Amino acid sequence: MPRDDSRTRVTRTTGRATDRPNGGVGQQGEFGAQEGAERLQKVLAAAGVGSRRACEDLIFRRRVTVDGRVAELGDKVDPATSVIHVDGERLITDTRLVYLAMNKPRGVVSTMADEKGRTALADFLDRVEERVYHVGRLDADSEGLLLLTNDGTLAHRLTHPSYGVQKTYLCEVAGPLPRSVGRRLLTGVELEDGSAKVDSFKLIDTLGRTAQIELVLHEGRKHIVRRLLDEVGHPVSRLVRTQIGPIHLGDLRAGRTRRLTNAEIAALFKAVGD
């Protein structure tokens, strides 16, 4: 008799075929042949999704995918390597990965250690046990939101211009500010290394001889905000980055760090197309 191919599945990690009816549960689970694998519902519960019973229900309702495939009850996964989504949102299950938000104070250089002895990022991370790296940078005279992580893949995507992750800056500039400045910044300004423009411009307030504006842009050329505003004749006296993609600085105090929530991490991955 011809073999019923509908009962044959290929195990993800070994490539071996396993006889398993469609919708059934194999002994190892579709993703679980690798050493160190754990039951999917256990991994989901450990990541804070819910109780094991609630996680089993999510799997049963086909709301969980592993490495791009719909998961089934009985599947096992490796928390360190499997890419898991719940309702389309990325779930971080590798406990070695760290995602932090920091409010970098003015006068601090965006390096972990400085050979000139200047105050650096590591001086504020004594309570962080993991080795992390800054995602992009802020110059010493700027302040505000800086992301820190040991996830190299996400860091690369957040900083690469092709992913178009927007960053928001609050700037105090020399005023008063004519309307033509906003139009120039939105249409494009010629700089020594090519044209640049902002995605959004908003006048927040006018304070005597200074003005407060909000700029949004997605490119990260060195000192790009300061150079743009210098070119239009309104140099920056204070620059604060308030947002990177979906992550807000909020009320985080200068020099403090906090761990991103699972929802914030998922939003970051969504912002870079994962």
C-alpha atoms as a PDB file:
ATOM      1  CA  MET A   1       0.000   0.000   0.000  1.00  0.00           C
ATOM      2  CA  PRO A   2       1.218   3.549  -0.614  1.00  0.00           C
ATOM      3  CA  ARG A   3       2.415   5.381   2.486  1.00  0.00           C
ATOM      4  CA  ASP A   4       0.039   7.967   3.979  1.00  0.00           C
ATOM      5  CA  ASP A   5       2.216  11.096   3.826  1.00  0.00           C
ATOM      6  CA  SER A   6      -0.295  13.075   5.857  1.00  0.00           C
ATOM      7  CA  ARG A   7       0.963  11.177   8.939  1.00  0.00           C
ATOM      8  CA  THR A   8       4.632  11.989   8.376  1.00  0.00           C
ATOM      9  CA  ARG A   9       6.269  15.051   9.882  1.00  0.00           C
ATOM     10  CA  VAL A  10       9.852  16.186   9.921  1.00  0.00           C
ATOM     11  CA  THR A  11      11.424  16.898  13.279  1.00  0.00           C
ATOM     12  CA  ARG A  12      12.815  20.451  13.191  1.00  0.00           C
ATOM     13  CA  THR A  13      16.139  19.830  14.876  1.00  0.00           C
ATOM     14  CA  THR A  14      17.089  16.396  13.548  1.00  0.00           C
ATOM     15  CA  GLY A  15      15.461  16.253  10.122  1.00  0.00           C
ATOM     16  CA  ARG A  16      14.102  12.753  10.945  1.00  0.00           C
ATOM     17  CA  ALA A  17      10.565  11.888   9.961  1.00  0.00           C
ATOM     18  CA  THR A  18       8.239  10.909  12.812  1.00  0.00           C
ATOM     19  CA  ASP A  19       4.939   9.116  12.410  1.00  0.00           C
ATOM     20  CA  ARG A  20       2.461  11.425  14.053  1.00  0.00           C
ATOM     21  CA  PRO A  21      -1.152  12.096  13.080  1.00  0.00           C
ATOM     22  CA  ASN A  22      -2.039  15.643  12.130  1.00  0.00           C
ATOM     23  CA  GLY A  23      -3.013  17.491  15.304  1.00  0.00           C
ATOM     24  CA  GLY A  24      -1.570  14.757  17.527  1.00  0.00           C
ATOM     25  CA  VAL A  25       1.169  14.985  20.123  1.00  0.00           C
ATOM     26  CA  GLY A  26       4.446  13.173  19.621  1.00  0.00           C
ATOM     27  CA  GLN A  27       6.606  11.884  22.455  1.00  0.00           C
ATOM     28  CA  GLN A  28       9.221  14.608  22.026  1.00  0.00           C
ATOM     29  CA  GLY A  29       7.165  17.317  20.375  1.00  0.00           C
ATOM     30  CA  GLU A  30       7.919  18.928  17.053  1.00  0.00           C
ATOM     31  CA  PHE A  31      10.637  21.283  18.302  1.00  0.00           C
ATOM     32  CA  GLY A  32      11.970  19.177  21.146  1.00  0.00           C
ATOM     33  CA  ALA A  33      14.646  16.794  19.923  1.00  0.00           C
ATOM     34  CA  GLN A  34      17.467  19.102  20.975  1.00  0.00           C
ATOM     35  CA  GLU A  35      19.259  18.616  24.253  1.00  0.00           C
ATOM     36  CA  GLY A  36      18.044  20.877  27.043  1.00  0.00           C
ATOM     37  CA  ALA A  37      14.582  21.350  25.547  1.00  0.00           C
ATOM     38  CA  GLU A  38      11.619  22.030  27.816  1.00  0.00           C
ATOM     39  CA  ARG A  39       7.877  21.743  27.471  1.00  0.00           C
ATOM     40  CA  LEU A  40       6.578  24.788  25.631  1.00  0.00           C
ATOM     41  CA  GLN A  41       3.909  25.584  28.223  1.00  0.00           C
ATOM     42  CA  LYS A  42       6.561  25.556  30.963  1.00  0.00           C
ATOM     43  CA  VAL A  43       8.720  28.008  29.004  1.00  0.00           C
ATOM     44  CA  LEU A  44       5.740  30.288  28.369  1.00  0.00           C
ATOM     45  CA  ALA A  45       4.769  30.275  32.038  1.00  0.00           C
ATOM     46  CA  ALA A  46       8.348  31.024  33.119  1.00  0.00           C
ATOM     47  CA  ALA A  47       8.342  34.016  30.756  1.00  0.00           C
ATOM     48  CA  GLY A  48       5.298  35.433  32.522  1.00  0.00           C
ATOM     49  CA  VAL A  49       2.645  34.645  29.922  1.00  0.00           C
ATOM     50  CA  GLY A  50       0.371  33.000  32.498  1.00  0.00           C
ATOM     51  CA  SER A  51      -0.178  29.785  34.409  1.00  0.00           C
ATOM     52  CA  ARG A  52       0.801  26.521  32.731  1.00  0.00           C
ATOM     53  CA  ARG A  53      -2.869  25.695  32.233  1.00  0.00           C
ATOM     54  CA  ALA A  54      -3.460  29.095  30.606  1.00  0.00           C
ATOM     55  CA  CYS A  55      -0.403  28.579  28.394  1.00  0.00           C
ATOM     56  CA  GLU A  56      -1.659  25.145  27.365  1.00  0.00           C
ATOM     57  CA  ASP A  57      -4.912  26.796  26.335  1.00  0.00           C
ATOM     58  CA  LEU A  58      -3.003  29.342  24.208  1.00  0.00           C
ATOM     59  CA  ILE A  59      -1.147  26.514  22.481  1.00  0.00           C
ATOM     60  CA  PHE A  60      -4.367  24.530  21.960  1.00  0.00           C
ATOM     61  CA  ARG A  61      -5.993  27.589  20.371  1.00  0.00           C
ATOM     62  CA  ARG A  62      -3.063  27.862  17.936  1.00  0.00           C
ATOM     63  CA  ARG A  63      -2.036  31.288  19.247  1.00  0.00           C
ATOM     64  CA  VAL A  64       1.612  30.304  19.734  1.00  0.00           C
ATOM     65  CA  THR A  65       4.248  29.867  17.036  1.00  0.00           C
ATOM     66  CA  VAL A  66       7.779  28.544  17.354  1.00  0.00           C
ATOM     67  CA  ASP A  67      10.319  29.377  14.668  1.00  0.00           C
ATOM     68  CA  GLY A  68       7.503  30.441  12.363  1.00  0.00           C
ATOM     69  CA  ARG A  69       5.336  27.334  12.772  1.00  0.00           C
ATOM     70  CA  VAL A  70       2.161  26.895  14.786  1.00  0.00           C
ATOM     71  CA  ALA A  71       2.955  25.033  17.993  1.00  0.00           C
ATOM     72  CA  GLU A  72       1.059  22.063  19.402  1.00  0.00           C
ATOM     73  CA  LEU A  73       0.540  20.638  22.859  1.00  0.00           C
ATOM     74  CA  GLY A  74       3.472  18.384  23.683  1.00  0.00           C
ATOM     75  CA  ASP A  75       6.038  20.429  21.791  1.00  0.00           C
ATOM     76  CA  LYS A  76       9.370  21.100  23.433  1.00  0.00           C
ATOM     77  CA  VAL A  77      11.590  24.097  22.762  1.00  0.00           C
ATOM     78  CA  ASP A  78      15.015  25.392  23.663  1.00  0.00           C
ATOM     79  CA  PRO A  79      14.450  28.690  25.521  1.00  0.00           C
ATOM     80  CA  ALA A  80      17.879  29.934  24.441  1.00  0.00           C
ATOM     81  CA  THR A  81      17.423  29.468  20.692  1.00  0.00           C
ATOM     82  CA  SER A  82      13.733  29.102  19.799  1.00  0.00           C
ATOM     83  CA  VAL A  83      11.915  32.127  18.381  1.00  0.00           C
ATOM     84  CA  ILE A  84       8.509  32.175  20.056  1.00  0.00           C
ATOM     85  CA  HIS A  85       5.549  34.433  19.272  1.00  0.00           C
ATOM     86  CA  VAL A  86       2.275  34.662  21.194  1.00  0.00           C
ATOM     87  CA  ASP A  87      -0.556  36.331  19.284  1.00  0.00           C
ATOM     88  CA  GLY A  88       2.051  37.606  16.846  1.00  0.00           C
ATOM     89  CA  GLU A  89       4.238  39.261  19.481  1.00  0.00           C
ATOM     90  CA  ARG A  90       7.809  38.144  20.099  1.00  0.00           C
ATOM     91  CA  LEU A  91       8.426  36.546  23.506  1.00  0.00           C
ATOM     92  CA  ILE A  92      11.922  36.584  24.981  1.00  0.00           C
ATOM     93  CA  THR A  93      12.627  33.269  26.701  1.00  0.00           C
ATOM     94  CA  ASP A  94      16.424  33.359  26.773  1.00  0.00           C
ATOM     95  CA  THR A  95      17.157  34.449  30.343  1.00  0.00           C
ATOM     96  CA  ARG A  96      20.683  35.472  29.340  1.00  0.00           C
ATOM     97  CA  LEU A  97      19.384  38.401  27.293  1.00  0.00           C
ATOM     98  CA  VAL A  98      19.065  41.783  28.987  1.00  0.00           C
ATOM     99  CA  TYR A  99      17.231  44.891  27.768  1.00  0.00           C
ATOM    100  CA  LEU A 100      17.658  48.157  29.667  1.00  0.00           C
ATOM    101  CA  ALA A 101      16.603  51.776  29.325  1.00  0.00           C
ATOM    102  CA  MET A 102      18.895  54.445  30.756  1.00  0.00           C
ATOM    103  CA  ASN A 103      18.547  58.179  31.223  1.00  0.00           C
ATOM    104  CA  LYS A 104      22.052  59.304  30.297  1.00  0.00           C
ATOM    105  CA  PRO A 105      23.000  62.501  32.114  1.00  0.00           C
ATOM    106  CA  ARG A 106      24.675  65.400  30.389  1.00  0.00           C
ATOM    107  CA  GLY A 107      28.469  65.210  30.587  1.00  0.00           C
ATOM    108  CA  VAL A 108      28.605  61.399  30.388  1.00  0.00           C
ATOM    109  CA  VAL A 109      30.338  59.818  27.380  1.00  0.00           C
ATOM    110  CA  SER A 110      28.567  56.980  25.553  1.00  0.00           C
ATOM    111  CA  THR A 111      31.226  54.349  26.181  1.00  0.00           C
ATOM    112  CA  MET A 112      31.487  51.711  28.871  1.00  0.00           C
ATOM    113  CA  ALA A 113      34.886  52.987  29.982  1.00  0.00           C
ATOM    114  CA  ASP A 114      36.837  56.083  28.992  1.00  0.00           C
ATOM    115  CA  GLU A 115      40.615  56.121  28.648  1.00  0.00           C
ATOM    116  CA  LYS A 116      40.633  59.835  29.482  1.00  0.00           C
ATOM    117  CA  GLY A 117      38.983  59.201  32.819  1.00  0.00           C
ATOM    118  CA  ARG A 118      35.699  60.904  31.972  1.00  0.00           C
ATOM    119  CA  THR A 119      32.447  59.682  33.488  1.00  0.00           C
ATOM    120  CA  ALA A 120      31.178  56.780  31.359  1.00  0.00           C
ATOM    121  CA  LEU A 121      28.121  54.531  31.201  1.00  0.00           C
ATOM    122  CA  ALA A 122      29.650  51.779  33.326  1.00  0.00           C
ATOM    123  CA  ASP A 123      29.777  54.198  36.249  1.00  0.00           C
ATOM    124  CA  PHE A 124      25.979  53.924  36.445  1.00  0.00           C
ATOM    125  CA  LEU A 125      25.687  50.145  35.939  1.00  0.00           C
ATOM    126  CA  ASP A 126      27.199  48.727  39.116  1.00  0.00           C
ATOM    127  CA  ARG A 127      23.945  46.890  39.892  1.00  0.00           C
ATOM    128  CA  VAL A 128      23.761  45.281  36.444  1.00  0.00           C
ATOM    129  CA  GLU A 129      25.499  41.894  36.584  1.00  0.00           C
ATOM    130  CA  GLU A 130      25.320  41.132  32.867  1.00  0.00           C
ATOM    131  CA  ARG A 131      27.703  42.607  30.335  1.00  0.00           C
ATOM    132  CA  VAL A 132      25.697  44.968  28.141  1.00  0.00           C
ATOM    133  CA  TYR A 133      26.436  47.385  25.304  1.00  0.00           C
ATOM    134  CA  HIS A 134      24.854  50.681  24.325  1.00  0.00           C
ATOM    135  CA  VAL A 135      22.588  50.766  21.278  1.00  0.00           C
ATOM    136  CA  GLY A 136      23.788  53.765  19.319  1.00  0.00           C
ATOM    137  CA  ARG A 137      25.052  56.729  21.292  1.00  0.00           C
ATOM    138  CA  LEU A 138      24.411  60.221  22.574  1.00  0.00           C
ATOM    139  CA  ASP A 139      27.213  62.759  22.569  1.00  0.00           C
ATOM    140  CA  ALA A 140      28.512  63.929  25.936  1.00  0.00           C
ATOM    141  CA  ASP A 141      26.599  67.222  25.803  1.00  0.00           C
ATOM    142  CA  SER A 142      23.295  65.455  25.115  1.00  0.00           C
ATOM    143  CA  GLU A 143      21.107  63.579  27.562  1.00  0.00           C
ATOM    144  CA  GLY A 144      18.147  61.274  27.689  1.00  0.00           C
ATOM    145  CA  LEU A 145      17.120  57.823  26.556  1.00  0.00           C
ATOM    146  CA  LEU A 146      19.783  55.245  25.758  1.00  0.00           C
ATOM    147  CA  LEU A 147      19.097  51.533  25.291  1.00  0.00           C
ATOM    148  CA  LEU A 148      21.512  48.906  26.595  1.00  0.00           C
ATOM    149  CA  THR A 149      21.456  45.205  25.735  1.00  0.00           C
ATOM    150  CA  ASN A 150      23.524  42.097  25.069  1.00  0.00           C
ATOM    151  CA  ASP A 151      21.244  41.127  22.168  1.00  0.00           C
ATOM    152  CA  GLY A 152      23.486  41.908  19.213  1.00  0.00           C
ATOM    153  CA  THR A 153      20.875  41.117  16.577  1.00  0.00           C
ATOM    154  CA  LEU A 154      18.311  43.533  17.965  1.00  0.00           C
ATOM    155  CA  ALA A 155      20.959  46.209  18.569  1.00  0.00           C
ATOM    156  CA  HIS A 156      22.040  46.009  14.927  1.00  0.00           C
ATOM    157  CA  ARG A 157      18.486  46.353  13.642  1.00  0.00           C
ATOM    158  CA  LEU A 158      17.710  49.284  15.913  1.00  0.00           C
ATOM    159  CA  THR A 159      20.708  51.245  14.661  1.00  0.00           C
ATOM    160  CA  HIS A 160      20.709  50.278  10.978  1.00  0.00           C
ATOM    161  CA  PRO A 161      19.027  52.983   8.848  1.00  0.00           C
ATOM    162  CA  SER A 162      17.254  50.432   6.655  1.00  0.00           C
ATOM    163  CA  TYR A 163      14.924  49.560   9.550  1.00  0.00           C
ATOM    164  CA  GLY A 164      13.853  53.193   9.936  1.00  0.00           C
ATOM    165  CA  VAL A 165      13.488  53.210  13.722  1.00  0.00           C
ATOM    166  CA  GLN A 166      12.489  56.727  14.705  1.00  0.00           C
ATOM    167  CA  LYS A 167      14.015  58.697  17.561  1.00  0.00           C
ATOM    168  CA  THR A 168      12.441  61.717  19.236  1.00  0.00           C
ATOM    169  CA  TYR A 169      14.406  64.666  20.608  1.00  0.00           C
ATOM    170  CA  LEU A 170      13.394  67.629  22.727  1.00  0.00           C
ATOM    171  CA  CYS A 171      15.637  70.583  21.893  1.00  0.00           C
ATOM    172  CA  GLU A 172      16.130  74.043  23.317  1.00  0.00           C
ATOM    173  CA  VAL A 173      17.420  76.352  20.605  1.00  0.00           C
ATOM    174  CA  ALA A 174      18.166  80.017  20.071  1.00  0.00           C
ATOM    175  CA  GLY A 175      14.961  81.869  19.281  1.00  0.00           C
ATOM    176  CA  PRO A 176      12.664  83.298  18.182  1.00  0.00           C
ATOM    177  CA  LEU A 177      11.869  80.601  15.625  1.00  0.00           C
ATOM    178  CA  PRO A 178      10.269  81.575  12.285  1.00  0.00           C
ATOM    179  CA  ARG A 179       7.959  79.088  10.537  1.00  0.00           C
ATOM    180  CA  SER A 180      10.429  78.739   7.698  1.00  0.00           C
ATOM    181  CA  VAL A 181      12.768  76.772   9.977  1.00  0.00           C
ATOM    182  CA  GLY A 182      10.290  73.928  10.328  1.00  0.00           C
ATOM    183  CA  ARG A 183       9.676  73.842   6.577  1.00  0.00           C
ATOM    184  CA  ARG A 184      13.405  73.677   5.852  1.00  0.00           C
ATOM    185  CA  LEU A 185      13.967  70.861   8.333  1.00  0.00           C
ATOM    186  CA  LEU A 186      11.070  68.866   6.871  1.00  0.00           C
ATOM    187  CA  THR A 187      12.069  69.327   3.215  1.00  0.00           C
ATOM    188  CA  GLY A 188      15.793  68.784   3.690  1.00  0.00           C
ATOM    189  CA  VAL A 189      18.981  70.619   4.598  1.00  0.00           C
ATOM    190  CA  GLU A 190      22.316  70.220   2.844  1.00  0.00           C
ATOM    191  CA  LEU A 191      25.113  69.158   5.207  1.00  0.00           C
ATOM    192  CA  GLU A 192      28.759  68.429   4.472  1.00  0.00           C
ATOM    193  CA  ASP A 193      28.023  64.688   4.274  1.00  0.00           C
ATOM    194  CA  GLY A 194      24.803  64.964   2.277  1.00  0.00           C
ATOM    195  CA  SER A 195      21.218  66.072   2.628  1.00  0.00           C
ATOM    196  CA  ALA A 196      19.249  65.349   5.790  1.00  0.00           C
ATOM    197  CA  LYS A 197      15.738  66.050   7.013  1.00  0.00           C
ATOM    198  CA  VAL A 198      13.480  65.356   9.956  1.00  0.00           C
ATOM    199  CA  ASP A 199      10.366  63.175   9.889  1.00  0.00           C
ATOM    200  CA  SER A 200       8.450  65.505  12.186  1.00  0.00           C
ATOM    201  CA  PHE A 201       8.831  69.028  13.572  1.00  0.00           C
ATOM    202  CA  LYS A 202       6.822  70.579  16.392  1.00  0.00           C
ATOM    203  CA  LEU A 203       7.194  73.899  18.180  1.00  0.00           C
ATOM    204  CA  ILE A 204       6.534  73.197  21.862  1.00  0.00           C
ATOM    205  CA  ASP A 205       7.085  76.582  23.486  1.00  0.00           C
ATOM    206  CA  THR A 206       8.834  79.924  23.165  1.00  0.00           C
ATOM    207  CA  LEU A 207      10.752  81.059  26.236  1.00  0.00           C
ATOM    208  CA  GLY A 208      12.090  84.566  25.711  1.00  0.00           C
ATOM    209  CA  ARG A 209      15.171  84.239  23.527  1.00  0.00           C
ATOM    210  CA  THR A 210      14.947  80.452  23.371  1.00  0.00           C
ATOM    211  CA  ALA A 211      12.463  78.063  21.806  1.00  0.00           C
ATOM    212  CA  GLN A 212      11.643  74.470  22.668  1.00  0.00           C
ATOM    213  CA  ILE A 213      11.031  72.130  19.749  1.00  0.00           C
ATOM    214  CA  GLU A 214      10.458  68.423  19.214  1.00  0.00           C
ATOM    215  CA  LEU A 215      12.164  66.652  16.320  1.00  0.00           C
ATOM    216  CA  VAL A 216      11.609  63.106  15.099  1.00  0.00           C
ATOM    217  CA  LEU A 217      14.045  61.458  12.688  1.00  0.00           C
ATOM    218  CA  HIS A 218      15.181  57.964  11.835  1.00  0.00           C
ATOM    219  CA  GLU A 219      18.754  58.422  10.712  1.00  0.00           C
ATOM    220  CA  GLY A 220      21.678  58.376  13.092  1.00  0.00           C
ATOM    221  CA  ARG A 221      24.568  60.242  11.528  1.00  0.00           C
ATOM    222  CA  LYS A 222      26.966  61.714  14.057  1.00  0.00           C
ATOM    223  CA  HIS A 223      25.629  64.875  15.735  1.00  0.00           C
ATOM    224  CA  ILE A 224      22.868  64.970  13.125  1.00  0.00           C
ATOM    225  CA  VAL A 225      20.376  66.949  15.240  1.00  0.00           C
ATOM    226  CA  ARG A 226      22.899  69.571  16.293  1.00  0.00           C
ATOM    227  CA  ARG A 227      24.244  69.941  12.761  1.00  0.00           C
ATOM    228  CA  LEU A 228      20.773  70.357  11.276  1.00  0.00           C
ATOM    229  CA  LEU A 229      19.852  73.084  13.730  1.00  0.00           C
ATOM    230  CA  ASP A 230      23.207  74.816  13.347  1.00  0.00           C
ATOM    231  CA  GLU A 231      22.680  74.879   9.584  1.00  0.00           C
ATOM    232  CA  VAL A 232      19.286  76.596   9.889  1.00  0.00           C
ATOM    233  CA  GLY A 233      20.744  79.180  12.262  1.00  0.00           C
ATOM    234  CA  HIS A 234      19.349  77.989  15.587  1.00  0.00           C
ATOM    235  CA  PRO A 235      22.070  76.187  17.570  1.00  0.00           C
ATOM    236  CA  VAL A 236      21.099  73.798  20.355  1.00  0.00           C
ATOM    237  CA  SER A 237      21.584  74.761  23.993  1.00  0.00           C
ATOM    238  CA  ARG A 238      20.027  71.562  25.360  1.00  0.00           C
ATOM    239  CA  LEU A 239      19.193  68.253  23.683  1.00  0.00           C
ATOM    240  CA  VAL A 240      17.228  65.429  25.310  1.00  0.00           C
ATOM    241  CA  ARG A 241      16.300  62.189  23.553  1.00  0.00           C
ATOM    242  CA  THR A 242      12.855  61.207  24.803  1.00  0.00           C
ATOM    243  CA  GLN A 243      11.957  58.188  22.676  1.00  0.00           C
ATOM    244  CA  ILE A 244      13.489  55.365  20.617  1.00  0.00           C
ATOM    245  CA  GLY A 245      10.883  53.541  18.543  1.00  0.00           C
ATOM    246  CA  PRO A 246       8.149  52.487  20.997  1.00  0.00           C
ATOM    247  CA  ILE A 247      10.284  53.059  24.120  1.00  0.00           C
ATOM    248  CA  HIS A 248       9.712  56.283  26.066  1.00  0.00           C
ATOM    249  CA  LEU A 249      12.046  57.960  28.539  1.00  0.00           C
ATOM    250  CA  GLY A 250       9.096  58.733  30.776  1.00  0.00           C
ATOM    251  CA  ASP A 251       9.931  59.837  34.301  1.00  0.00           C
ATOM    252  CA  LEU A 252      13.166  57.842  34.550  1.00  0.00           C
ATOM    253  CA  ARG A 253      15.569  59.984  36.538  1.00  0.00           C
ATOM    254  CA  ALA A 254      18.967  61.034  35.216  1.00  0.00           C
ATOM    255  CA  GLY A 255      21.601  58.365  35.801  1.00  0.00           C
ATOM    256  CA  ARG A 256      19.042  55.626  36.470  1.00  0.00           C
ATOM    257  CA  THR A 257      18.353  52.464  34.492  1.00  0.00           C
ATOM    258  CA  ARG A 258      15.382  50.137  34.342  1.00  0.00           C
ATOM    259  CA  ARG A 259      14.654  46.815  32.692  1.00  0.00           C
ATOM    260  CA  LEU A 260      12.243  46.874  29.788  1.00  0.00           C
ATOM    261  CA  THR A 261       8.947  45.076  30.236  1.00  0.00           C
ATOM    262  CA  ASN A 262       8.021  42.064  28.109  1.00  0.00           C
ATOM    263  CA  ALA A 263       5.542  44.267  26.234  1.00  0.00           C
ATOM    264  CA  GLU A 264       8.230  46.866  25.497  1.00  0.00           C
ATOM    265  CA  ILE A 265      10.647  44.207  24.259  1.00  0.00           C
ATOM    266  CA  ALA A 266       7.961  42.742  22.001  1.00  0.00           C
ATOM    267  CA  ALA A 267       7.226  46.238  20.670  1.00  0.00           C
ATOM    268  CA  LEU A 268      10.918  46.763  19.876  1.00  0.00           C
ATOM    269  CA  PHE A 269      11.050  43.542  17.876  1.00  0.00           C
ATOM    270  CA  LYS A 270       7.873  44.526  16.043  1.00  0.00           C
ATOM    271  CA  ALA A 271       9.449  47.900  15.221  1.00  0.00           C
ATOM    272  CA  VAL A 272      12.261  46.108  13.376  1.00  0.00           C
ATOM    273  CA  GLY A 273       9.963  43.679  11.589  1.00  0.00           C
ATOM    274  CA  ASP A 274      10.192  40.615  13.820  1.00  0.00           C
END
